[in-house]
Amino acid sequence: MAISLEQARIDVWRQVLVENAKVVVLETEGYPVRVTPKRRLRHVDS
């Protein structure tokens, strides 16, 4: 069963901001997280 958009947003938020993960995992796919140099924003690459 595919993950809903709402659940995907919650999972990304939790992994990136709460757990400070370097890779976001949704179902079986991993997506790297990078931090922008100037403002230290987190960006998930797809």
C-alpha atoms as a PDB file:
ATOM      1  CA  MET A   1       0.000   0.000   0.000  1.00  0.00           C
ATOM      2  CA  ALA A   2       1.329   3.444  -0.915  1.00  0.00           C
ATOM      3  CA  ILE A   3       2.006   6.023   1.779  1.00  0.00           C
ATOM      4  CA  SER A   4      -0.356   9.015   1.865  1.00  0.00           C
ATOM      5  CA  LEU A   5       0.941  12.525   1.261  1.00  0.00           C
ATOM      6  CA  GLU A   6      -0.002  13.561   4.801  1.00  0.00           C
ATOM      7  CA  GLN A   7       1.872  10.624   6.330  1.00  0.00           C
ATOM      8  CA  ALA A   8       4.896  11.287   4.079  1.00  0.00           C
ATOM      9  CA  ARG A   9       5.075  14.899   5.282  1.00  0.00           C
ATOM     10  CA  ILE A  10       4.915  13.820   8.909  1.00  0.00           C
ATOM     11  CA  ASP A  11       7.603  11.169   8.379  1.00  0.00           C
ATOM     12  CA  VAL A  12       9.934  13.640   6.622  1.00  0.00           C
ATOM     13  CA  TRP A  13       9.390  16.257   9.340  1.00  0.00           C
ATOM     14  CA  ARG A  14      10.086  13.772  12.104  1.00  0.00           C
ATOM     15  CA  GLN A  15      13.193  12.285  10.488  1.00  0.00           C
ATOM     16  CA  VAL A  16      14.768  15.587   9.429  1.00  0.00           C
ATOM     17  CA  LEU A  17      13.882  17.986  12.223  1.00  0.00           C
ATOM     18  CA  VAL A  18      13.347  15.759  15.256  1.00  0.00           C
ATOM     19  CA  GLU A  19      15.817  12.927  14.607  1.00  0.00           C
ATOM     20  CA  ASN A  20      18.321  15.041  12.589  1.00  0.00           C
ATOM     21  CA  ALA A  21      18.640  12.243  10.026  1.00  0.00           C
ATOM     22  CA  LYS A  22      21.140  12.451   7.164  1.00  0.00           C
ATOM     23  CA  VAL A  23      18.919  10.229   4.983  1.00  0.00           C
ATOM     24  CA  VAL A  24      15.111  10.246   4.957  1.00  0.00           C
ATOM     25  CA  VAL A  25      13.566   6.808   4.430  1.00  0.00           C
ATOM     26  CA  LEU A  26      10.043   6.547   2.997  1.00  0.00           C
ATOM     27  CA  GLU A  27       8.826   2.990   2.503  1.00  0.00           C
ATOM     28  CA  THR A  28      11.920   1.411   0.867  1.00  0.00           C
ATOM     29  CA  GLU A  29      13.474   4.515  -0.720  1.00  0.00           C
ATOM     30  CA  GLY A  30      16.170   6.666   0.879  1.00  0.00           C
ATOM     31  CA  TYR A  31      16.598  10.374   0.126  1.00  0.00           C
ATOM     32  CA  PRO A  32      19.701  12.317   1.196  1.00  0.00           C
ATOM     33  CA  VAL A  33      19.328  15.440   3.303  1.00  0.00           C
ATOM     34  CA  ARG A  34      21.676  18.351   2.731  1.00  0.00           C
ATOM     35  CA  VAL A  35      22.077  21.590   4.625  1.00  0.00           C
ATOM     36  CA  THR A  36      22.329  24.883   2.732  1.00  0.00           C
ATOM     37  CA  PRO A  37      25.570  26.696   3.519  1.00  0.00           C
ATOM     38  CA  LYS A  38      24.240  30.200   4.068  1.00  0.00           C
ATOM     39  CA  ARG A  39      21.087  29.754   6.169  1.00  0.00           C
ATOM     40  CA  ARG A  40      21.563  26.168   7.379  1.00  0.00           C
ATOM     41  CA  LEU A  41      18.197  25.096   5.907  1.00  0.00           C
ATOM     42  CA  ARG A  42      17.611  21.387   5.363  1.00  0.00           C
ATOM     43  CA  HIS A  43      16.791  20.213   1.855  1.00  0.00           C
ATOM     44  CA  VAL A  44      15.699  16.677   0.964  1.00  0.00           C
ATOM     45  CA  ASP A  45      16.951  15.666  -2.489  1.00  0.00           C
ATOM     46  CA  SER A  46      14.637  13.524  -4.583  1.00  0.00           C
END
